[in-house]
Amino acid sequence: MSPAEPRSALARRLRALREAAGMTQAELAQALGGENPLSVSLISSWENTDKAPPTRRLNAYATLFATRRSVSGDTVRVLPLDELSDEERRRYDELLEELLWLRDGREGAGYPETDVWRFPENEDVTIVSAQLPPDLRQHLTYADPESADFVSLYTYADPDALIELFGHIRAVNPNHHVSFHTTEELTPDHYTTHLVLLGGVDWNTVTRDVIERVDLPVKQVARDDDSPTSSPGGFLVKHDGGSELFPPLLDSEGHLLEDVAHFYRGVSPFNRKRTVTVCNGMYSRGTLGAVRALTDERFRDRNQAYLRSRFGEAEFFSIISRVPVVGGKGLTPDWTVAENRLHEWPEAE
């Protein structure tokens, strides 16, 4: 491991913390320096891997971002530690440990303990993808088990999302048993591991089973078909006064302009000591967008920082976001941009 690796991860994390809080570098420099403001160029160097902050500055970072009370009106300041509540002090301890870990480097450097995709030791992880329906496989030679050219991955409905996520989870959890299967390949024991489900209720029966068992106000309305004149479906959110549908956006010829991604994390209904995570989209680019929001190194730090600031230690949470499609490619959603977030649950108090 080279010394630059943990610092690079730390730089991304420091920038993500600041951006998630809506602070400028000048405001952060003022807050960290107090009566003797730091230079903006120093803040910039910490965010661009040139140098790592000393421990006392990381301590100030952890204190500042442990509580929303650091921002009062137009003033940003580091509160004294003894003014933090028990919950804020716990958050401070976790954040300081994470920042020191990123600076000093340990096994798996670059992936902090608070990474959404990090799981407790000795707990298996199972990624579940739907299998392509028979009518979509029948003309694919590589998807025919009787063919000498058979490749099992061609039978998976979301191979791009699967490859992206499997690699990331294995990197973050190098000592875990991480496996992936189609819904048809699951055994009863798989259901009691940490489950990560790719794709929606139309093809992934496990996603359907989970959504039916959890208290989530989001339901997926399957699209009729791929005709430009058909209903594209969407994610239906129930409110006290009714409901709201968030559909994908297609042009008059049926080309996808914007998909919709749904990310859900909660306690597994099959094993209360394990989690279930759903990465879903109305189309495959939405599913990939839900995955890359927390694996893409350009966005994962800021998106994970946003999740921590927005949902804290909530056992269940859900976020629906836009996935713009440009040149046929789905772009990674930035959850720190308000217009990209279509719905969040639990709703903000």
Protein backbone atom coordinates (compact mmCIF):
# COMPACT_ATOMS: atom_id res chain seq x y z
CA MET A 1 0.00 0.00 0.00
CA SER A 2 1.51 3.34 -0.95
CA PRO A 3 1.23 6.30 1.46
CA ALA A 4 -0.77 8.23 -1.16
CA GLU A 5 -3.69 5.79 -1.12
CA PRO A 6 -5.20 6.54 2.32
CA ARG A 7 -4.58 10.25 1.85
CA SER A 8 -6.43 10.19 -1.46
CA ALA A 9 -9.40 8.55 0.25
CA LEU A 10 -9.16 11.04 3.12
CA ALA A 11 -9.13 13.98 0.71
CA ARG A 12 -12.31 12.75 -0.96
CA ARG A 13 -13.96 12.24 2.42
CA LEU A 14 -13.06 15.72 3.70
CA ARG A 15 -14.47 17.32 0.58
CA ALA A 16 -17.61 15.18 0.79
CA LEU A 17 -18.22 16.26 4.40
CA ARG A 18 -17.93 19.93 3.49
CA GLU A 19 -20.11 19.68 0.40
CA ALA A 20 -22.80 17.65 2.18
CA ALA A 21 -23.00 20.41 4.80
CA GLY A 22 -23.28 23.09 2.10
CA MET A 23 -20.14 24.92 3.25
CA THR A 24 -17.63 26.80 1.15
CA GLN A 25 -13.91 26.30 1.67
CA ALA A 26 -13.72 29.85 3.07
CA GLU A 27 -16.41 29.11 5.67
CA LEU A 28 -14.66 25.92 6.68
CA ALA A 29 -11.31 27.71 6.97
CA GLN A 30 -12.91 30.31 9.24
CA ALA A 31 -14.61 27.70 11.42
CA LEU A 32 -11.53 25.49 11.87
CA GLY A 33 -9.24 28.43 12.58
CA GLY A 34 -11.50 30.39 14.91
CA GLU A 35 -9.80 33.69 15.77
CA ASN A 36 -6.94 32.74 13.44
CA PRO A 37 -8.67 31.58 10.24
CA LEU A 38 -6.89 29.01 8.12
CA SER A 39 -6.10 29.80 4.50
CA VAL A 40 -8.46 28.59 1.79
CA SER A 41 -5.44 27.18 -0.04
CA LEU A 42 -4.70 24.93 2.96
CA ILE A 43 -8.26 23.58 2.94
CA SER A 44 -7.95 23.02 -0.80
CA SER A 45 -4.69 21.11 -0.35
CA TRP A 46 -6.33 18.80 2.20
CA GLU A 47 -9.15 18.11 -0.26
CA ASN A 48 -6.81 17.45 -3.17
CA THR A 49 -4.40 14.89 -1.63
CA ASP A 50 -1.41 17.27 -1.39
CA LYS A 51 -1.15 16.83 2.37
CA ALA A 52 -3.11 15.32 5.26
CA PRO A 53 -4.35 17.44 8.20
CA PRO A 54 -2.70 16.90 11.59
CA THR A 55 -4.66 15.08 14.27
CA ARG A 56 -5.88 18.26 15.98
CA ARG A 57 -7.41 19.46 12.71
CA LEU A 58 -9.11 16.11 12.12
CA ASN A 59 -10.45 16.39 15.65
CA ALA A 60 -11.96 19.76 14.71
CA TYR A 61 -13.43 18.28 11.52
CA ALA A 62 -15.08 15.50 13.52
CA THR A 63 -16.48 17.96 16.07
CA LEU A 64 -17.75 20.33 13.38
CA PHE A 65 -19.55 17.69 11.32
CA ALA A 66 -20.86 15.67 14.27
CA THR A 67 -23.75 18.09 14.71
CA ARG A 68 -25.93 20.31 12.57
CA ARG A 69 -25.74 22.87 15.37
CA SER A 70 -22.31 23.84 14.05
CA VAL A 71 -24.17 26.00 11.56
CA SER A 72 -26.22 28.76 13.16
CA GLY A 73 -27.65 31.23 10.70
CA ASP A 74 -24.72 32.58 8.70
CA THR A 75 -22.19 31.43 11.30
CA VAL A 76 -20.19 28.21 11.13
CA ARG A 77 -18.27 27.24 14.27
CA VAL A 78 -16.74 24.28 16.07
CA LEU A 79 -18.66 23.66 19.29
CA PRO A 80 -16.83 22.66 22.48
CA LEU A 81 -16.89 18.90 22.98
CA ASP A 82 -18.68 19.21 26.31
CA GLU A 83 -21.60 20.90 24.55
CA LEU A 84 -22.29 17.88 22.35
CA SER A 85 -25.24 15.66 23.21
CA ASP A 86 -24.70 11.93 23.78
CA GLU A 87 -25.78 11.19 20.20
CA GLU A 88 -23.54 13.94 18.79
CA ARG A 89 -20.62 12.69 20.89
CA ARG A 90 -21.11 9.18 19.52
CA ARG A 91 -21.13 10.62 16.00
CA TYR A 92 -17.96 12.58 16.80
CA ASP A 93 -16.18 9.44 18.03
CA GLU A 94 -17.14 7.49 14.90
CA LEU A 95 -16.15 10.29 12.54
CA LEU A 96 -12.80 10.92 14.19
CA GLU A 97 -11.97 7.20 14.10
CA GLU A 98 -12.89 7.11 10.40
CA LEU A 99 -10.77 10.15 9.50
CA LEU A 100 -7.73 8.87 11.40
CA TRP A 101 -8.22 5.48 9.77
CA LEU A 102 -8.24 7.05 6.33
CA ARG A 103 -5.18 9.18 7.07
CA ASP A 104 -3.01 6.49 8.62
CA GLY A 105 -4.08 3.56 6.46
CA ARG A 106 -5.08 0.06 7.52
CA GLU A 107 -6.19 -3.12 5.81
CA GLY A 108 -8.56 -2.20 2.99
CA ALA A 109 -7.43 1.43 3.08
CA GLY A 110 -9.76 3.69 1.14
CA TYR A 111 -12.90 2.02 2.49
CA PRO A 112 -13.81 3.36 5.95
CA GLU A 113 -15.63 1.39 8.62
CA THR A 114 -18.74 3.45 7.86
CA ASP A 115 -18.88 2.41 4.19
CA VAL A 116 -22.45 1.37 3.43
CA TRP A 117 -21.10 -1.78 1.79
CA ARG A 118 -18.96 -2.88 4.75
CA PHE A 119 -20.48 -5.79 6.68
CA PRO A 120 -19.58 -7.24 10.11
CA GLU A 121 -16.91 -9.91 10.20
CA ASN A 122 -17.92 -13.54 9.60
CA GLU A 123 -21.30 -12.59 8.11
CA ASP A 124 -21.94 -13.82 4.57
CA VAL A 125 -23.27 -11.56 1.82
CA THR A 126 -25.48 -12.77 -1.03
CA ILE A 127 -26.14 -10.66 -4.13
CA VAL A 128 -29.33 -11.69 -5.92
CA SER A 129 -30.12 -10.87 -9.52
CA ALA A 130 -33.11 -11.86 -11.60
CA GLN A 131 -32.68 -14.29 -14.46
CA LEU A 132 -33.61 -13.11 -17.94
CA PRO A 133 -37.02 -14.49 -18.95
CA PRO A 134 -36.86 -17.50 -21.32
CA ASP A 135 -38.15 -15.50 -24.30
CA LEU A 136 -35.20 -13.11 -23.98
CA ARG A 137 -32.66 -15.92 -23.65
CA GLN A 138 -33.85 -18.21 -26.41
CA HIS A 139 -32.01 -16.40 -29.21
CA LEU A 140 -28.77 -15.94 -27.23
CA THR A 141 -26.35 -18.76 -27.97
CA TYR A 142 -24.24 -17.87 -24.96
CA ALA A 143 -27.31 -18.12 -22.67
CA ASP A 144 -28.18 -21.65 -23.82
CA PRO A 145 -26.84 -24.29 -21.38
CA GLU A 146 -26.79 -26.79 -24.26
CA SER A 147 -24.38 -24.63 -26.24
CA ALA A 148 -20.63 -25.20 -26.06
CA ASP A 149 -20.31 -21.40 -25.78
CA PHE A 150 -22.61 -21.16 -22.74
CA VAL A 151 -21.75 -18.35 -20.28
CA SER A 152 -23.96 -18.29 -17.20
CA LEU A 153 -23.60 -14.53 -16.73
CA TYR A 154 -25.51 -13.99 -19.97
CA THR A 155 -28.59 -15.30 -18.16
CA TYR A 156 -28.48 -12.52 -15.55
CA ALA A 157 -30.82 -9.54 -15.95
CA ASP A 158 -28.44 -6.85 -14.63
CA PRO A 159 -24.87 -8.02 -15.32
CA ASP A 160 -23.38 -4.50 -15.41
CA ALA A 161 -24.75 -3.68 -11.96
CA LEU A 162 -23.74 -7.12 -10.69
CA ILE A 163 -20.13 -6.80 -11.84
CA GLU A 164 -19.83 -3.29 -10.41
CA LEU A 165 -21.28 -4.22 -7.03
CA PHE A 166 -19.66 -7.63 -6.58
CA GLY A 167 -16.20 -6.16 -7.14
CA HIS A 168 -16.80 -3.32 -4.71
CA ILE A 169 -18.25 -5.47 -1.92
CA ARG A 170 -15.37 -7.95 -2.25
CA ALA A 171 -12.83 -5.09 -2.06
CA VAL A 172 -14.44 -3.59 1.03
CA ASN A 173 -14.87 -7.00 2.71
CA PRO A 174 -11.76 -8.99 1.69
CA ASN A 175 -12.25 -11.67 4.36
CA HIS A 176 -15.97 -12.28 3.78
CA HIS A 177 -17.74 -14.90 1.74
CA VAL A 178 -19.55 -12.88 -0.92
CA SER A 179 -21.53 -14.75 -3.57
CA PHE A 180 -24.01 -13.93 -6.31
CA HIS A 181 -26.92 -15.98 -7.64
CA THR A 182 -30.05 -15.72 -9.72
CA THR A 183 -33.32 -16.00 -7.86
CA GLU A 184 -33.68 -19.58 -9.10
CA GLU A 185 -30.36 -20.61 -7.54
CA LEU A 186 -31.07 -19.51 -3.97
CA THR A 187 -31.17 -22.00 -1.11
CA PRO A 188 -32.93 -21.39 2.23
CA ASP A 189 -29.57 -20.55 3.83
CA HIS A 190 -28.98 -17.72 1.35
CA TYR A 191 -32.10 -15.93 2.60
CA THR A 192 -30.65 -15.55 6.10
CA THR A 193 -27.41 -13.85 4.99
CA HIS A 194 -27.05 -10.14 4.23
CA LEU A 195 -29.10 -9.83 1.04
CA VAL A 196 -28.36 -7.38 -1.75
CA LEU A 197 -31.10 -7.41 -4.39
CA LEU A 198 -30.64 -6.10 -7.92
CA GLY A 199 -33.60 -5.22 -10.10
CA GLY A 200 -37.30 -4.82 -9.64
CA VAL A 201 -40.43 -6.70 -8.76
CA ASP A 202 -41.22 -7.64 -12.36
CA TRP A 203 -38.33 -10.14 -12.68
CA ASN A 204 -36.64 -10.35 -9.28
CA THR A 205 -39.05 -12.35 -7.13
CA VAL A 206 -36.94 -11.84 -4.01
CA THR A 207 -37.23 -8.06 -4.35
CA ARG A 208 -41.00 -8.56 -4.54
CA ASP A 209 -41.01 -10.81 -1.47
CA VAL A 210 -38.97 -8.33 0.55
CA ILE A 211 -40.95 -5.22 -0.42
CA GLU A 212 -44.18 -7.01 0.52
CA ARG A 213 -42.78 -7.75 3.98
CA VAL A 214 -41.44 -4.33 4.98
CA ASP A 215 -43.27 -1.17 5.98
CA LEU A 216 -42.17 0.95 3.04
CA PRO A 217 -44.39 3.58 1.38
CA VAL A 218 -42.75 2.92 -2.00
CA LYS A 219 -44.13 0.47 -4.54
CA GLN A 220 -42.87 -0.24 -8.03
CA VAL A 221 -45.42 0.02 -10.81
CA ALA A 222 -44.14 -2.22 -13.61
CA ARG A 223 -44.10 -0.78 -17.11
CA ASP A 224 -46.55 -2.25 -19.63
CA ASP A 225 -43.93 -3.04 -22.28
CA ASP A 226 -41.21 -1.24 -24.23
CA SER A 227 -43.55 0.48 -26.70
CA PRO A 228 -43.21 4.32 -26.75
CA THR A 229 -46.97 4.62 -26.32
CA SER A 230 -47.17 2.33 -23.29
CA SER A 231 -47.10 3.43 -19.67
CA PRO A 232 -43.47 3.50 -18.45
CA GLY A 233 -44.51 2.70 -14.88
CA GLY A 234 -42.48 4.20 -12.07
CA PHE A 235 -42.09 4.26 -8.31
CA LEU A 236 -45.35 5.05 -6.52
CA VAL A 237 -45.03 6.80 -3.16
CA LYS A 238 -47.99 6.83 -0.78
CA HIS A 239 -48.67 10.00 1.21
CA ASP A 240 -51.30 10.74 3.84
CA GLY A 241 -53.25 12.69 1.26
CA GLY A 242 -52.79 10.32 -1.67
CA SER A 243 -49.89 9.13 -3.78
CA GLU A 244 -47.29 10.34 -6.27
CA LEU A 245 -45.73 8.48 -9.18
CA PHE A 246 -42.12 9.05 -10.22
CA PRO A 247 -41.78 7.66 -13.77
CA PRO A 248 -38.76 7.39 -16.09
CA LEU A 249 -38.56 9.83 -18.98
CA LEU A 250 -38.56 8.62 -22.59
CA ASP A 251 -38.76 10.49 -25.87
CA SER A 252 -41.44 9.90 -28.54
CA GLU A 253 -39.41 7.08 -30.09
CA GLY A 254 -38.93 5.23 -26.82
CA HIS A 255 -35.33 6.28 -26.15
CA LEU A 256 -34.58 6.53 -22.44
CA LEU A 257 -33.69 10.08 -21.39
CA GLU A 258 -33.85 9.67 -17.62
CA ASP A 259 -34.30 6.58 -15.47
CA VAL A 260 -35.41 6.44 -11.85
CA ALA A 261 -33.35 4.64 -9.20
CA HIS A 262 -34.49 3.31 -5.84
CA PHE A 263 -32.07 2.47 -3.02
CA TYR A 264 -33.46 0.81 0.12
CA ARG A 265 -31.63 -0.51 3.19
CA GLY A 266 -33.34 -2.16 6.14
CA VAL A 267 -33.37 -5.05 8.56
CA SER A 268 -33.93 -8.32 6.72
CA PRO A 269 -37.43 -9.77 7.18
CA PHE A 270 -35.81 -13.22 7.01
CA ASN A 271 -33.17 -12.68 9.73
CA ARG A 272 -33.39 -9.77 12.15
CA LYS A 273 -29.61 -9.82 12.64
CA ARG A 274 -28.91 -9.24 8.95
CA THR A 275 -29.72 -6.51 6.44
CA VAL A 276 -31.41 -6.36 3.08
CA THR A 277 -30.48 -3.79 0.45
CA VAL A 278 -32.42 -3.14 -2.76
CA CYS A 279 -30.81 -1.44 -5.77
CA ASN A 280 -33.55 -1.02 -8.31
CA GLY A 281 -34.48 0.99 -11.38
CA MET A 282 -37.29 1.05 -13.88
CA TYR A 283 -34.67 0.06 -16.45
CA SER A 284 -31.23 -1.49 -16.04
CA ARG A 285 -29.54 1.92 -16.11
CA GLY A 286 -31.55 2.92 -13.07
CA THR A 287 -30.43 -0.22 -11.24
CA LEU A 288 -26.81 0.51 -12.15
CA GLY A 289 -27.29 4.12 -11.01
CA ALA A 290 -28.53 2.95 -7.60
CA VAL A 291 -25.39 0.81 -7.31
CA ARG A 292 -22.88 3.38 -8.56
CA ALA A 293 -24.20 6.07 -6.25
CA LEU A 294 -22.23 4.27 -3.52
CA THR A 295 -19.43 2.62 -5.52
CA ASP A 296 -18.32 5.32 -7.99
CA GLU A 297 -15.18 6.81 -6.41
CA ARG A 298 -16.10 10.27 -7.70
CA PHE A 299 -19.42 10.32 -5.85
CA ARG A 300 -19.51 7.60 -3.19
CA ASP A 301 -17.89 9.65 -0.41
CA ARG A 302 -20.25 12.59 -0.74
CA ASN A 303 -23.28 10.33 -1.18
CA GLN A 304 -22.40 8.26 1.88
CA ALA A 305 -21.81 11.45 3.85
CA TYR A 306 -25.24 12.64 2.79
CA LEU A 307 -26.85 9.36 3.92
CA ARG A 308 -25.19 9.62 7.33
CA SER A 309 -26.23 13.24 7.82
CA ARG A 310 -29.77 12.63 6.55
CA PHE A 311 -30.64 9.26 8.09
CA GLY A 312 -28.10 8.81 10.89
CA GLU A 313 -28.40 5.36 12.45
CA ALA A 314 -31.88 4.61 11.08
CA GLU A 315 -32.47 0.88 10.63
CA PHE A 316 -34.60 1.52 7.55
CA PHE A 317 -34.22 4.18 4.88
CA SER A 318 -35.05 4.72 1.23
CA ILE A 319 -34.08 7.23 -1.44
CA ILE A 320 -35.46 7.63 -4.97
CA SER A 321 -33.30 9.58 -7.39
CA ARG A 322 -32.96 10.63 -11.01
CA VAL A 323 -30.49 8.84 -13.30
CA PRO A 324 -29.86 11.01 -16.38
CA VAL A 325 -29.06 9.06 -19.55
CA VAL A 326 -26.64 10.73 -21.96
CA GLY A 327 -25.42 9.05 -25.12
CA GLY A 328 -27.08 5.85 -23.99
CA LYS A 329 -25.10 5.83 -20.73
CA GLY A 330 -26.63 6.25 -17.29
CA LEU A 331 -24.87 8.83 -15.11
CA THR A 332 -24.10 8.34 -11.43
CA PRO A 333 -26.64 10.27 -9.31
CA ASP A 334 -25.27 12.89 -6.92
CA TRP A 335 -27.51 12.77 -3.85
CA THR A 336 -26.09 16.00 -2.44
CA VAL A 337 -27.93 17.89 -5.22
CA ALA A 338 -31.51 18.41 -4.02
CA GLU A 339 -33.12 18.24 -7.46
CA ASN A 340 -31.66 14.76 -7.99
CA ARG A 341 -33.50 13.39 -4.94
CA LEU A 342 -37.14 12.70 -5.79
CA HIS A 343 -38.23 11.13 -2.50
CA GLU A 344 -36.69 10.18 0.84
CA TRP A 345 -38.04 8.01 3.63
CA PRO A 346 -38.34 8.43 6.53
CA GLU A 347 -39.31 11.98 5.66
CA ALA A 348 -37.37 14.82 7.26
CA GLU A 349 -38.82 16.10 10.52
